[in-house]
């Protein structure tokens, strides 16, 4: 299952890059230190995925740590990208898949 999670994480990164939603410059330390869910007060959802979610899950996979037992990113992405005009179907599918994988693990 961990391999499949890693593969979906790579797909999420690829989709963000393809959509032009991958930042070259990281947000400030203060922005990353937000205590709000998804850092909604300081980051966009793509920034949160890039600078918080992906690195955290990659690190957990590498260190063989327990992964989150529940995940619900896809609904946030649907709301964030609604009306954006971006072709986000593949990204939405990858986020739904990561939600499913993380939520079904023991």
Protein backbone atom coordinates (compact mmCIF):
# COMPACT_ATOMS: atom_id res chain seq x y z
CA UNK A 1 0.00 0.00 0.00
CA UNK A 2 2.87 2.41 0.79
CA UNK A 3 4.18 2.05 -2.77
CA UNK A 4 0.76 2.88 -4.17
CA UNK A 5 0.52 5.92 -1.89
CA UNK A 6 3.95 7.11 -3.08
CA UNK A 7 2.88 6.67 -6.71
CA UNK A 8 -0.25 8.75 -6.17
CA UNK A 9 1.81 11.43 -4.40
CA UNK A 10 4.07 11.64 -7.46
CA UNK A 11 0.98 11.96 -9.64
CA UNK A 12 -0.36 14.81 -7.47
CA UNK A 13 2.92 16.68 -7.88
CA UNK A 14 2.90 16.10 -11.65
CA UNK A 15 -0.68 17.36 -11.92
CA UNK A 16 0.10 20.51 -9.91
CA UNK A 17 3.07 21.21 -12.18
CA UNK A 18 1.03 20.60 -15.33
CA UNK A 19 -1.66 23.01 -14.11
CA UNK A 20 0.93 25.71 -13.35
CA UNK A 21 0.13 25.43 -9.64
CA UNK A 22 3.68 24.54 -8.53
CA UNK A 23 5.58 27.42 -6.91
CA UNK A 24 9.30 27.95 -7.40
CA UNK A 25 9.61 30.03 -4.23
CA UNK A 26 8.47 28.58 -0.91
CA UNK A 27 6.19 30.56 1.38
CA UNK A 28 7.59 32.27 4.45
CA UNK A 29 8.27 30.34 7.64
CA UNK A 30 5.42 32.27 9.24
CA UNK A 31 2.98 31.20 6.52
CA UNK A 32 4.01 27.57 6.96
CA UNK A 33 3.54 27.80 10.73
CA UNK A 34 -0.20 28.43 10.48
CA UNK A 35 -2.30 26.54 13.00
CA UNK A 36 -5.38 26.54 10.76
CA UNK A 37 -6.40 23.37 8.89
CA UNK A 38 -4.81 23.31 5.42
CA UNK A 39 -3.11 26.63 6.40
CA UNK A 40 -6.19 28.29 4.90
CA UNK A 41 -5.26 31.63 6.40
CA UNK A 42 -1.78 31.78 4.86
CA UNK A 43 -1.51 29.41 1.87
CA UNK A 44 -3.49 28.44 -1.19
CA UNK A 45 -4.48 24.79 -1.41
CA UNK A 46 -1.83 24.06 -4.07
CA UNK A 47 0.81 25.67 -1.84
CA UNK A 48 -0.34 23.58 1.11
CA UNK A 49 -0.15 20.42 -0.99
CA UNK A 50 3.33 21.33 -2.25
CA UNK A 51 4.93 22.64 0.91
CA UNK A 52 3.09 20.83 3.72
CA UNK A 53 1.17 17.72 2.65
CA UNK A 54 3.49 16.15 0.09
CA UNK A 55 6.73 16.62 2.08
CA UNK A 56 5.07 15.39 5.28
CA UNK A 57 3.69 12.22 3.73
CA UNK A 58 6.93 11.55 1.82
CA UNK A 59 8.85 11.86 5.09
CA UNK A 60 6.41 9.55 6.86
CA UNK A 61 6.80 6.98 4.07
CA UNK A 62 10.60 7.19 4.13
CA UNK A 63 10.76 6.92 7.92
CA UNK A 64 8.17 4.12 7.92
CA UNK A 65 6.00 6.10 10.31
CA UNK A 66 2.29 5.54 10.75
CA UNK A 67 0.35 7.45 8.11
CA UNK A 68 -2.77 9.53 8.78
CA UNK A 69 -5.78 7.28 9.28
CA UNK A 70 -8.18 9.67 7.62
CA UNK A 71 -7.79 12.02 4.71
CA UNK A 72 -10.27 14.36 3.04
CA UNK A 73 -8.41 16.63 0.63
CA UNK A 74 -10.52 16.06 -2.49
CA UNK A 75 -13.54 18.08 -1.24
CA UNK A 76 -11.24 21.00 -0.38
CA UNK A 77 -9.75 20.84 -3.87
CA UNK A 78 -13.19 20.76 -5.49
CA UNK A 79 -14.12 23.92 -3.64
CA UNK A 80 -10.78 25.65 -4.26
CA UNK A 81 -10.75 25.00 -8.02
CA UNK A 82 -14.48 25.56 -8.61
CA UNK A 83 -14.83 28.17 -11.33
CA UNK A 84 -11.08 28.37 -11.95
CA UNK A 85 -11.33 27.21 -15.55
CA UNK A 86 -8.42 24.82 -14.97
CA UNK A 87 -8.65 21.23 -16.19
CA UNK A 88 -8.37 19.67 -12.73
CA UNK A 89 -10.08 16.31 -13.35
CA UNK A 90 -6.81 14.32 -13.15
CA UNK A 91 -5.70 16.19 -10.04
CA UNK A 92 -9.12 15.66 -8.43
CA UNK A 93 -8.93 11.95 -9.24
CA UNK A 94 -5.44 11.68 -7.69
CA UNK A 95 -6.57 13.53 -4.56
CA UNK A 96 -9.64 11.29 -4.26
CA UNK A 97 -7.36 8.27 -4.59
CA UNK A 98 -4.99 9.49 -1.85
CA UNK A 99 -8.01 10.16 0.38
CA UNK A 100 -9.21 6.63 -0.26
CA UNK A 101 -5.80 5.01 0.30
CA UNK A 102 -5.02 6.85 3.51
CA UNK A 103 -8.52 6.37 4.90
CA UNK A 104 -8.61 2.59 4.30
CA UNK A 105 -5.25 1.63 5.74
CA UNK A 106 -5.18 -0.29 9.04
